[in-house]
């Protein structure tokens, strides 16, 4: 289950926790993590530029060069995600 979906389900049930976790989702580090997640999740190595092929909503095949993420950018993103996880757990615990 997706973190954002779980947080949305809190609205009206636990508004205090909803607001605190929504604040985390608005964090630029969270937004960046989602940006990096897609290439990694779909088996594209984030630090290996290359040609990517996908089909758009109209059925057209689109090719483009994948954005390159240096290993230091990926590492910093992982550290940020772990810090966001820590903050999320603290919200849930309290």
PDB file of N, CA and C in Angstrom:
ATOM      1  N   UNK A   1       0.847  -1.178   0.000  1.00  0.00           N
ATOM      2  CA  UNK A   1       0.000   0.000   0.000  1.00  0.00           C
ATOM      3  C   UNK A   1       0.892   1.241   0.000  1.00  0.00           C
ATOM      4  N   UNK A   2       0.469   2.234  -0.698  1.00  0.00           N
ATOM      5  CA  UNK A   2       1.216   3.473  -0.864  1.00  0.00           C
ATOM      6  C   UNK A   2       1.059   4.378   0.362  1.00  0.00           C
ATOM      7  N   UNK A   3       2.171   4.980   0.792  1.00  0.00           N
ATOM      8  CA  UNK A   3       2.182   5.861   1.962  1.00  0.00           C
ATOM      9  C   UNK A   3       1.151   6.984   1.816  1.00  0.00           C
ATOM     10  N   UNK A   4       1.115   7.624   0.646  1.00  0.00           N
ATOM     11  CA  UNK A   4       0.187   8.742   0.435  1.00  0.00           C
ATOM     12  C   UNK A   4      -1.260   8.297   0.582  1.00  0.00           C
ATOM     13  N   UNK A   5      -1.562   7.104   0.108  1.00  0.00           N
ATOM     14  CA  UNK A   5      -2.927   6.585   0.198  1.00  0.00           C
ATOM     15  C   UNK A   5      -3.310   6.333   1.659  1.00  0.00           C
ATOM     16  N   UNK A   6      -2.379   5.799   2.431  1.00  0.00           N
ATOM     17  CA  UNK A   6      -2.634   5.544   3.854  1.00  0.00           C
ATOM     18  C   UNK A   6      -2.881   6.861   4.580  1.00  0.00           C
ATOM     19  N   UNK A   7      -2.064   7.863   4.284  1.00  0.00           N
ATOM     20  CA  UNK A   7      -2.231   9.160   4.941  1.00  0.00           C
ATOM     21  C   UNK A   7      -3.593   9.767   4.593  1.00  0.00           C
ATOM     22  N   UNK A   8      -3.987   9.695   3.329  1.00  0.00           N
ATOM     23  CA  UNK A   8      -5.297  10.241   2.927  1.00  0.00           C
ATOM     24  C   UNK A   8      -6.437   9.556   3.670  1.00  0.00           C
ATOM     25  N   UNK A   9      -6.297   8.274   3.974  1.00  0.00           N
ATOM     26  CA  UNK A   9      -7.350   7.543   4.677  1.00  0.00           C
ATOM     27  C   UNK A   9      -7.486   7.985   6.132  1.00  0.00           C
ATOM     28  N   UNK A  10      -6.474   8.688   6.651  1.00  0.00           N
ATOM     29  CA  UNK A  10      -6.541   9.180   8.025  1.00  0.00           C
ATOM     30  C   UNK A  10      -7.449  10.400   8.161  1.00  0.00           C
ATOM     31  N   UNK A  11      -7.672  11.110   7.060  1.00  0.00           N
ATOM     32  CA  UNK A  11      -8.484  12.329   7.110  1.00  0.00           C
ATOM     33  C   UNK A  11      -9.889  11.991   7.606  1.00  0.00           C
ATOM     34  N   UNK A  12     -10.290  12.711   8.648  1.00  0.00           N
ATOM     35  CA  UNK A  12     -11.605  12.481   9.234  1.00  0.00           C
ATOM     36  C   UNK A  12     -11.602  11.416  10.321  1.00  0.00           C
ATOM     37  N   UNK A  13     -10.544  10.591  10.344  1.00  0.00           N
ATOM     38  CA  UNK A  13     -10.433   9.549  11.372  1.00  0.00           C
ATOM     39  C   UNK A  13      -9.441   9.966  12.455  1.00  0.00           C
ATOM     40  N   UNK A  14      -8.327  10.554  12.035  1.00  0.00           N
ATOM     41  CA  UNK A  14      -7.313  11.061  12.957  1.00  0.00           C
ATOM     42  C   UNK A  14      -6.684  12.278  12.289  1.00  0.00           C
ATOM     43  N   UNK A  15      -7.396  13.400  12.396  1.00  0.00           N
ATOM     44  CA  UNK A  15      -6.979  14.605  11.676  1.00  0.00           C
ATOM     45  C   UNK A  15      -5.619  15.132  12.125  1.00  0.00           C
ATOM     46  N   UNK A  16      -5.288  14.972  13.388  1.00  0.00           N
ATOM     47  CA  UNK A  16      -3.990  15.440  13.879  1.00  0.00           C
ATOM     48  C   UNK A  16      -2.849  14.676  13.190  1.00  0.00           C
ATOM     49  N   UNK A  17      -2.957  13.354  13.172  1.00  0.00           N
ATOM     50  CA  UNK A  17      -1.929  12.548  12.515  1.00  0.00           C
ATOM     51  C   UNK A  17      -1.937  12.808  11.006  1.00  0.00           C
ATOM     52  N   UNK A  18      -3.124  12.966  10.430  1.00  0.00           N
ATOM     53  CA  UNK A  18      -3.231  13.275   9.004  1.00  0.00           C
ATOM     54  C   UNK A  18      -2.447  14.535   8.668  1.00  0.00           C
ATOM     55  N   UNK A  19      -2.626  15.597   9.455  1.00  0.00           N
ATOM     56  CA  UNK A  19      -1.944  16.860   9.183  1.00  0.00           C
ATOM     57  C   UNK A  19      -0.436  16.735   9.341  1.00  0.00           C
ATOM     58  N   UNK A  20       0.001  16.026  10.367  1.00  0.00           N
ATOM     59  CA  UNK A  20       1.445  15.871  10.593  1.00  0.00           C
ATOM     60  C   UNK A  20       2.098  15.052   9.481  1.00  0.00           C
ATOM     61  N   UNK A  21       1.452  13.975   9.066  1.00  0.00           N
ATOM     62  CA  UNK A  21       2.022  13.151   7.995  1.00  0.00           C
ATOM     63  C   UNK A  21       1.891  13.836   6.637  1.00  0.00           C
ATOM     64  N   UNK A  22       0.846  14.634   6.457  1.00  0.00           N
ATOM     65  CA  UNK A  22       0.708  15.399   5.210  1.00  0.00           C
ATOM     66  C   UNK A  22       1.833  16.416   5.083  1.00  0.00           C
ATOM     67  N   UNK A  23       2.231  16.975   6.199  1.00  0.00           N
ATOM     68  CA  UNK A  23       3.353  17.918   6.210  1.00  0.00           C
ATOM     69  C   UNK A  23       4.627  17.233   5.717  1.00  0.00           C
ATOM     70  N   UNK A  24       4.829  15.998   6.131  1.00  0.00           N
ATOM     71  CA  UNK A  24       5.996  15.229   5.672  1.00  0.00           C
ATOM     72  C   UNK A  24       5.907  15.001   4.170  1.00  0.00           C
ATOM     73  N   UNK A  25       4.709  14.692   3.666  1.00  0.00           N
ATOM     74  CA  UNK A  25       4.544  14.443   2.226  1.00  0.00           C
ATOM     75  C   UNK A  25       4.772  15.705   1.396  1.00  0.00           C
ATOM     76  N   UNK A  26       4.620  16.883   2.011  1.00  0.00           N
ATOM     77  CA  UNK A  26       4.850  18.142   1.312  1.00  0.00           C
ATOM     78  C   UNK A  26       6.332  18.533   1.301  1.00  0.00           C
ATOM     79  N   UNK A  27       7.117  17.822   2.080  1.00  0.00           N
ATOM     80  CA  UNK A  27       8.549  18.095   2.184  1.00  0.00           C
ATOM     81  C   UNK A  27       9.226  17.835   0.838  1.00  0.00           C
ATOM     82  N   UNK A  28      10.139  18.719   0.445  1.00  0.00           N
ATOM     83  CA  UNK A  28      10.831  18.570  -0.841  1.00  0.00           C
ATOM     84  C   UNK A  28      11.604  17.254  -0.913  1.00  0.00           C
ATOM     85  N   UNK A  29      12.096  16.769   0.218  1.00  0.00           N
ATOM     86  CA  UNK A  29      12.817  15.492   0.223  1.00  0.00           C
ATOM     87  C   UNK A  29      11.880  14.334  -0.111  1.00  0.00           C
ATOM     88  N   UNK A  30      10.654  14.399   0.370  1.00  0.00           N
ATOM     89  CA  UNK A  30       9.665  13.370   0.047  1.00  0.00           C
ATOM     90  C   UNK A  30       9.336  13.413  -1.439  1.00  0.00           C
ATOM     91  N   UNK A  31       9.154  14.613  -1.958  1.00  0.00           N
ATOM     92  CA  UNK A  31       8.849  14.784  -3.381  1.00  0.00           C
ATOM     93  C   UNK A  31       9.992  14.252  -4.236  1.00  0.00           C
ATOM     94  N   UNK A  32      11.241  14.567  -3.847  1.00  0.00           N
ATOM     95  CA  UNK A  32      12.407  14.052  -4.575  1.00  0.00           C
ATOM     96  C   UNK A  32      12.480  12.535  -4.510  1.00  0.00           C
ATOM     97  N   UNK A  33      12.159  11.975  -3.354  1.00  0.00           N
ATOM     98  CA  UNK A  33      12.205  10.520  -3.203  1.00  0.00           C
ATOM     99  C   UNK A  33      11.249   9.849  -4.183  1.00  0.00           C
ATOM    100  N   UNK A  34      10.079  10.434  -4.363  1.00  0.00           N
ATOM    101  CA  UNK A  34       9.125   9.879  -5.328  1.00  0.00           C
ATOM    102  C   UNK A  34       9.645   9.995  -6.750  1.00  0.00           C
ATOM    103  N   UNK A  35      10.355  11.085  -7.027  1.00  0.00           N
ATOM    104  CA  UNK A  35      10.937  11.272  -8.359  1.00  0.00           C
ATOM    105  C   UNK A  35      11.975  10.195  -8.650  1.00  0.00           C
ATOM    106  N   UNK A  36      12.827   9.878  -7.675  1.00  0.00           N
ATOM    107  CA  UNK A  36      13.878   8.871  -7.853  1.00  0.00           C
ATOM    108  C   UNK A  36      13.314   7.461  -7.815  1.00  0.00           C
ATOM    109  N   UNK A  37      12.221   7.283  -7.092  1.00  0.00           N
ATOM    110  CA  UNK A  37      11.641   5.959  -6.906  1.00  0.00           C
ATOM    111  C   UNK A  37      11.229   5.321  -8.233  1.00  0.00           C
ATOM    112  N   UNK A  38      10.616   6.085  -9.094  1.00  0.00           N
ATOM    113  CA  UNK A  38      10.090   5.513 -10.338  1.00  0.00           C
ATOM    114  C   UNK A  38      11.157   4.845 -11.193  1.00  0.00           C
ATOM    115  N   UNK A  39      12.272   5.507 -11.508  1.00  0.00           N
ATOM    116  CA  UNK A  39      13.281   4.810 -12.328  1.00  0.00           C
ATOM    117  C   UNK A  39      13.847   3.577 -11.634  1.00  0.00           C
ATOM    118  N   UNK A  40      14.056   3.677 -10.329  1.00  0.00           N
ATOM    119  CA  UNK A  40      14.630   2.545  -9.593  1.00  0.00           C
ATOM    120  C   UNK A  40      13.639   1.384  -9.545  1.00  0.00           C
ATOM    121  N   UNK A  41      12.373   1.690  -9.254  1.00  0.00           N
ATOM    122  CA  UNK A  41      11.339   0.663  -9.137  1.00  0.00           C
ATOM    123  C   UNK A  41      11.127  -0.080 -10.444  1.00  0.00           C
ATOM    124  N   UNK A  42      11.253   0.621 -11.540  1.00  0.00           N
ATOM    125  CA  UNK A  42      10.984   0.013 -12.834  1.00  0.00           C
ATOM    126  C   UNK A  42      12.252  -0.487 -13.516  1.00  0.00           C
ATOM    127  N   UNK A  43      13.227  -0.877 -12.680  1.00  0.00           N
ATOM    128  CA  UNK A  43      14.444  -1.552 -13.112  1.00  0.00           C
ATOM    129  C   UNK A  43      15.369  -0.740 -14.007  1.00  0.00           C
ATOM    130  N   UNK A  44      15.327   0.566 -13.869  1.00  0.00           N
ATOM    131  CA  UNK A  44      16.299   1.397 -14.554  1.00  0.00           C
ATOM    132  C   UNK A  44      17.309   1.838 -13.519  1.00  0.00           C
ATOM    133  N   UNK A  45      18.541   1.461 -13.680  1.00  0.00           N
ATOM    134  CA  UNK A  45      19.567   1.880 -12.747  1.00  0.00           C
ATOM    135  C   UNK A  45      19.662   3.402 -12.781  1.00  0.00           C
ATOM    136  N   UNK A  46      19.507   4.073 -11.633  1.00  0.00           N
ATOM    137  CA  UNK A  46      19.444   5.533 -11.626  1.00  0.00           C
ATOM    138  C   UNK A  46      20.762   6.204 -11.999  1.00  0.00           C
ATOM    139  N   UNK A  47      21.860   5.481 -11.941  1.00  0.00           N
ATOM    140  CA  UNK A  47      23.137   6.109 -12.280  1.00  0.00           C
ATOM    141  C   UNK A  47      23.683   5.592 -13.611  1.00  0.00           C
ATOM    142  N   UNK A  48      22.814   5.017 -14.439  1.00  0.00           N
ATOM    143  CA  UNK A  48      23.217   4.522 -15.758  1.00  0.00           C
ATOM    144  C   UNK A  48      22.323   5.165 -16.820  1.00  0.00           C
ATOM    145  N   UNK A  49      22.825   6.231 -17.452  1.00  0.00           N
ATOM    146  CA  UNK A  49      21.993   6.839 -18.492  1.00  0.00           C
ATOM    147  C   UNK A  49      21.796   5.869 -19.648  1.00  0.00           C
ATOM    148  N   UNK A  50      20.697   5.983 -20.294  1.00  0.00           N
ATOM    149  CA  UNK A  50      20.427   5.099 -21.417  1.00  0.00           C
ATOM    150  C   UNK A  50      19.091   5.424 -22.044  1.00  0.00           C
ATOM    151  N   UNK A  51      18.809   4.758 -23.117  1.00  0.00           N
ATOM    152  CA  UNK A  51      17.564   4.977 -23.841  1.00  0.00           C
ATOM    153  C   UNK A  51      16.425   4.242 -23.131  1.00  0.00           C
ATOM    154  N   UNK A  52      15.334   4.960 -22.925  1.00  0.00           N
ATOM    155  CA  UNK A  52      14.148   4.397 -22.287  1.00  0.00           C
ATOM    156  C   UNK A  52      13.020   4.436 -23.306  1.00  0.00           C
ATOM    157  N   UNK A  53      12.275   3.368 -23.380  1.00  0.00           N
ATOM    158  CA  UNK A  53      11.146   3.295 -24.311  1.00  0.00           C
ATOM    159  C   UNK A  53       9.889   3.007 -23.498  1.00  0.00           C
ATOM    160  N   UNK A  54       8.841   3.804 -23.758  1.00  0.00           N
ATOM    161  CA  UNK A  54       7.556   3.566 -23.095  1.00  0.00           C
ATOM    162  C   UNK A  54       6.436   3.923 -24.053  1.00  0.00           C
ATOM    163  N   UNK A  55       5.243   3.460 -23.734  1.00  0.00           N
ATOM    164  CA  UNK A  55       4.065   3.760 -24.540  1.00  0.00           C
ATOM    165  C   UNK A  55       3.245   4.816 -23.822  1.00  0.00           C
ATOM    166  N   UNK A  56       2.891   5.890 -24.518  1.00  0.00           N
ATOM    167  CA  UNK A  56       2.103   6.942 -23.881  1.00  0.00           C
ATOM    168  C   UNK A  56       0.622   6.549 -23.847  1.00  0.00           C
ATOM    169  N   UNK A  57      -0.211   7.441 -23.322  1.00  0.00           N
ATOM    170  CA  UNK A  57      -1.645   7.165 -23.157  1.00  0.00           C
ATOM    171  C   UNK A  57      -2.368   6.951 -24.483  1.00  0.00           C
ATOM    172  N   UNK A  58      -1.809   7.473 -25.581  1.00  0.00           N
ATOM    173  CA  UNK A  58      -2.437   7.328 -26.896  1.00  0.00           C
ATOM    174  C   UNK A  58      -1.916   6.122 -27.666  1.00  0.00           C
ATOM    175  N   UNK A  59      -1.030   5.336 -27.033  1.00  0.00           N
ATOM    176  CA  UNK A  59      -0.496   4.148 -27.685  1.00  0.00           C
ATOM    177  C   UNK A  59       0.763   4.392 -28.505  1.00  0.00           C
ATOM    178  N   UNK A  60       1.270   5.619 -28.493  1.00  0.00           N
ATOM    179  CA  UNK A  60       2.493   5.926 -29.228  1.00  0.00           C
ATOM    180  C   UNK A  60       3.715   5.522 -28.409  1.00  0.00           C
ATOM    181  N   UNK A  61       4.713   4.958 -29.074  1.00  0.00           N
ATOM    182  CA  UNK A  61       5.960   4.595 -28.408  1.00  0.00           C
ATOM    183  C   UNK A  61       6.852   5.829 -28.358  1.00  0.00           C
ATOM    184  N   UNK A  62       7.310   6.141 -27.170  1.00  0.00           N
ATOM    185  CA  UNK A  62       8.163   7.305 -26.950  1.00  0.00           C
ATOM    186  C   UNK A  62       9.521   6.805 -26.482  1.00  0.00           C
ATOM    187  N   UNK A  63      10.571   7.359 -27.038  1.00  0.00           N
ATOM    188  CA  UNK A  63      11.934   7.041 -26.604  1.00  0.00           C
ATOM    189  C   UNK A  63      12.588   8.321 -26.114  1.00  0.00           C
ATOM    190  N   UNK A  64      13.317   8.202 -25.029  1.00  0.00           N
ATOM    191  CA  UNK A  64      14.036   9.354 -24.491  1.00  0.00           C
ATOM    192  C   UNK A  64      15.225   8.855 -23.683  1.00  0.00           C
ATOM    193  N   UNK A  65      16.163   9.761 -23.437  1.00  0.00           N
ATOM    194  CA  UNK A  65      17.339   9.410 -22.644  1.00  0.00           C
ATOM    195  C   UNK A  65      16.991   9.613 -21.181  1.00  0.00           C
ATOM    196  N   UNK A  66      17.199   8.568 -20.405  1.00  0.00           N
ATOM    197  CA  UNK A  66      16.911   8.615 -18.980  1.00  0.00           C
ATOM    198  C   UNK A  66      17.803   9.629 -18.286  1.00  0.00           C
ATOM    199  N   UNK A  67      17.224  10.365 -17.340  1.00  0.00           N
ATOM    200  CA  UNK A  67      17.996  11.323 -16.564  1.00  0.00           C
ATOM    201  C   UNK A  67      19.036  10.578 -15.728  1.00  0.00           C
ATOM    202  N   UNK A  68      20.219  11.158 -15.641  1.00  0.00           N
ATOM    203  CA  UNK A  68      21.310  10.551 -14.875  1.00  0.00           C
ATOM    204  C   UNK A  68      21.283  11.073 -13.447  1.00  0.00           C
ATOM    205  N   UNK A  69      21.305  10.166 -12.478  1.00  0.00           N
ATOM    206  CA  UNK A  69      21.424  10.529 -11.068  1.00  0.00           C
ATOM    207  C   UNK A  69      22.765  10.001 -10.580  1.00  0.00           C
ATOM    208  N   UNK A  70      23.629  10.895 -10.133  1.00  0.00           N
ATOM    209  CA  UNK A  70      24.931  10.446  -9.636  1.00  0.00           C
ATOM    210  C   UNK A  70      24.740   9.629  -8.361  1.00  0.00           C
ATOM    211  N   UNK A  71      25.730   8.829  -8.034  1.00  0.00           N
ATOM    212  CA  UNK A  71      25.622   7.989  -6.831  1.00  0.00           C
ATOM    213  C   UNK A  71      25.516   8.846  -5.578  1.00  0.00           C
ATOM    214  N   UNK A  72      26.126  10.018  -5.572  1.00  0.00           N
ATOM    215  CA  UNK A  72      26.020  10.884  -4.393  1.00  0.00           C
ATOM    216  C   UNK A  72      24.596  11.424  -4.241  1.00  0.00           C
ATOM    217  N   UNK A  73      23.917  11.706  -5.354  1.00  0.00           N
ATOM    218  CA  UNK A  73      22.529  12.163  -5.300  1.00  0.00           C
ATOM    219  C   UNK A  73      21.636  11.039  -4.781  1.00  0.00           C
ATOM    220  N   UNK A  74      21.848   9.832  -5.274  1.00  0.00           N
ATOM    221  CA  UNK A  74      21.067   8.679  -4.818  1.00  0.00           C
ATOM    222  C   UNK A  74      21.307   8.438  -3.328  1.00  0.00           C
ATOM    223  N   UNK A  75      22.565   8.512  -2.904  1.00  0.00           N
ATOM    224  CA  UNK A  75      22.918   8.305  -1.495  1.00  0.00           C
ATOM    225  C   UNK A  75      22.240   9.350  -0.602  1.00  0.00           C
ATOM    226  N   UNK A  76      22.322  10.622  -0.999  1.00  0.00           N
ATOM    227  CA  UNK A  76      21.691  11.685  -0.211  1.00  0.00           C
ATOM    228  C   UNK A  76      20.176  11.492  -0.147  1.00  0.00           C
ATOM    229  N   UNK A  77      19.592  11.034  -1.248  1.00  0.00           N
ATOM    230  CA  UNK A  77      18.160  10.772  -1.268  1.00  0.00           C
ATOM    231  C   UNK A  77      17.789   9.666  -0.294  1.00  0.00           C
ATOM    232  N   UNK A  78      18.586   8.618  -0.256  1.00  0.00           N
ATOM    233  CA  UNK A  78      18.334   7.505   0.672  1.00  0.00           C
ATOM    234  C   UNK A  78      18.413   7.995   2.112  1.00  0.00           C
ATOM    235  N   UNK A  79      19.420   8.812   2.417  1.00  0.00           N
ATOM    236  CA  UNK A  79      19.536   9.368   3.771  1.00  0.00           C
ATOM    237  C   UNK A  79      18.317  10.209   4.119  1.00  0.00           C
ATOM    238  N   UNK A  80      17.847  11.001   3.164  1.00  0.00           N
ATOM    239  CA  UNK A  80      16.668  11.840   3.393  1.00  0.00           C
ATOM    240  C   UNK A  80      15.426  10.995   3.636  1.00  0.00           C
ATOM    241  N   UNK A  81      15.278   9.935   2.862  1.00  0.00           N
ATOM    242  CA  UNK A  81      14.124   9.054   3.016  1.00  0.00           C
ATOM    243  C   UNK A  81      14.132   8.392   4.396  1.00  0.00           C
ATOM    244  N   UNK A  82      15.300   7.981   4.843  1.00  0.00           N
ATOM    245  CA  UNK A  82      15.392   7.372   6.171  1.00  0.00           C
ATOM    246  C   UNK A  82      15.029   8.379   7.263  1.00  0.00           C
ATOM    247  N   UNK A  83      15.424   9.623   7.089  1.00  0.00           N
ATOM    248  CA  UNK A  83      15.060  10.663   8.056  1.00  0.00           C
ATOM    249  C   UNK A  83      13.549  10.903   8.029  1.00  0.00           C
ATOM    250  N   UNK A  84      12.954  10.904   6.852  1.00  0.00           N
ATOM    251  CA  UNK A  84      11.496  11.055   6.754  1.00  0.00           C
ATOM    252  C   UNK A  84      10.771   9.875   7.384  1.00  0.00           C
ATOM    253  N   UNK A  85      11.312   8.679   7.211  1.00  0.00           N
ATOM    254  CA  UNK A  85      10.727   7.496   7.846  1.00  0.00           C
ATOM    255  C   UNK A  85      10.782   7.645   9.366  1.00  0.00           C
ATOM    256  N   UNK A  86      11.916   8.103   9.871  1.00  0.00           N
ATOM    257  CA  UNK A  86      12.071   8.321  11.312  1.00  0.00           C
ATOM    258  C   UNK A  86      11.025   9.326  11.805  1.00  0.00           C
ATOM    259  N   UNK A  87      10.861  10.434  11.092  1.00  0.00           N
ATOM    260  CA  UNK A  87       9.870  11.441  11.488  1.00  0.00           C
ATOM    261  C   UNK A  87       8.459  10.862  11.443  1.00  0.00           C
ATOM    262  N   UNK A  88       8.167  10.047  10.433  1.00  0.00           N
ATOM    263  CA  UNK A  88       6.844   9.431  10.322  1.00  0.00           C
ATOM    264  C   UNK A  88       6.567   8.510  11.499  1.00  0.00           C
ATOM    265  N   UNK A  89       7.557   7.719  11.870  1.00  0.00           N
ATOM    266  CA  UNK A  89       7.403   6.802  13.011  1.00  0.00           C
ATOM    267  C   UNK A  89       7.198   7.586  14.297  1.00  0.00           C
ATOM    268  N   UNK A  90       7.923   8.702  14.457  1.00  0.00           N
ATOM    269  CA  UNK A  90       7.746   9.523  15.647  1.00  0.00           C
ATOM    270  C   UNK A  90       6.327  10.095  15.727  1.00  0.00           C
ATOM    271  N   UNK A  91       5.764  10.503  14.592  1.00  0.00           N
ATOM    272  CA  UNK A  91       4.392  11.007  14.557  1.00  0.00           C
ATOM    273  C   UNK A  91       3.428   9.905  14.979  1.00  0.00           C
ATOM    274  N   UNK A  92       3.638   8.707  14.448  1.00  0.00           N
ATOM    275  CA  UNK A  92       2.748   7.589  14.752  1.00  0.00           C
ATOM    276  C   UNK A  92       2.859   7.175  16.220  1.00  0.00           C
ATOM    277  N   UNK A  93       4.084   7.172  16.761  1.00  0.00           N
ATOM    278  CA  UNK A  93       4.294   6.778  18.162  1.00  0.00           C
ATOM    279  C   UNK A  93       3.632   7.752  19.124  1.00  0.00           C
ATOM    280  N   UNK A  94       3.661   9.012  18.788  1.00  0.00           N
ATOM    281  CA  UNK A  94       3.133  10.044  19.710  1.00  0.00           C
ATOM    282  C   UNK A  94       1.708  10.273  19.365  1.00  0.00           C
TER     283      UNK A  94
END
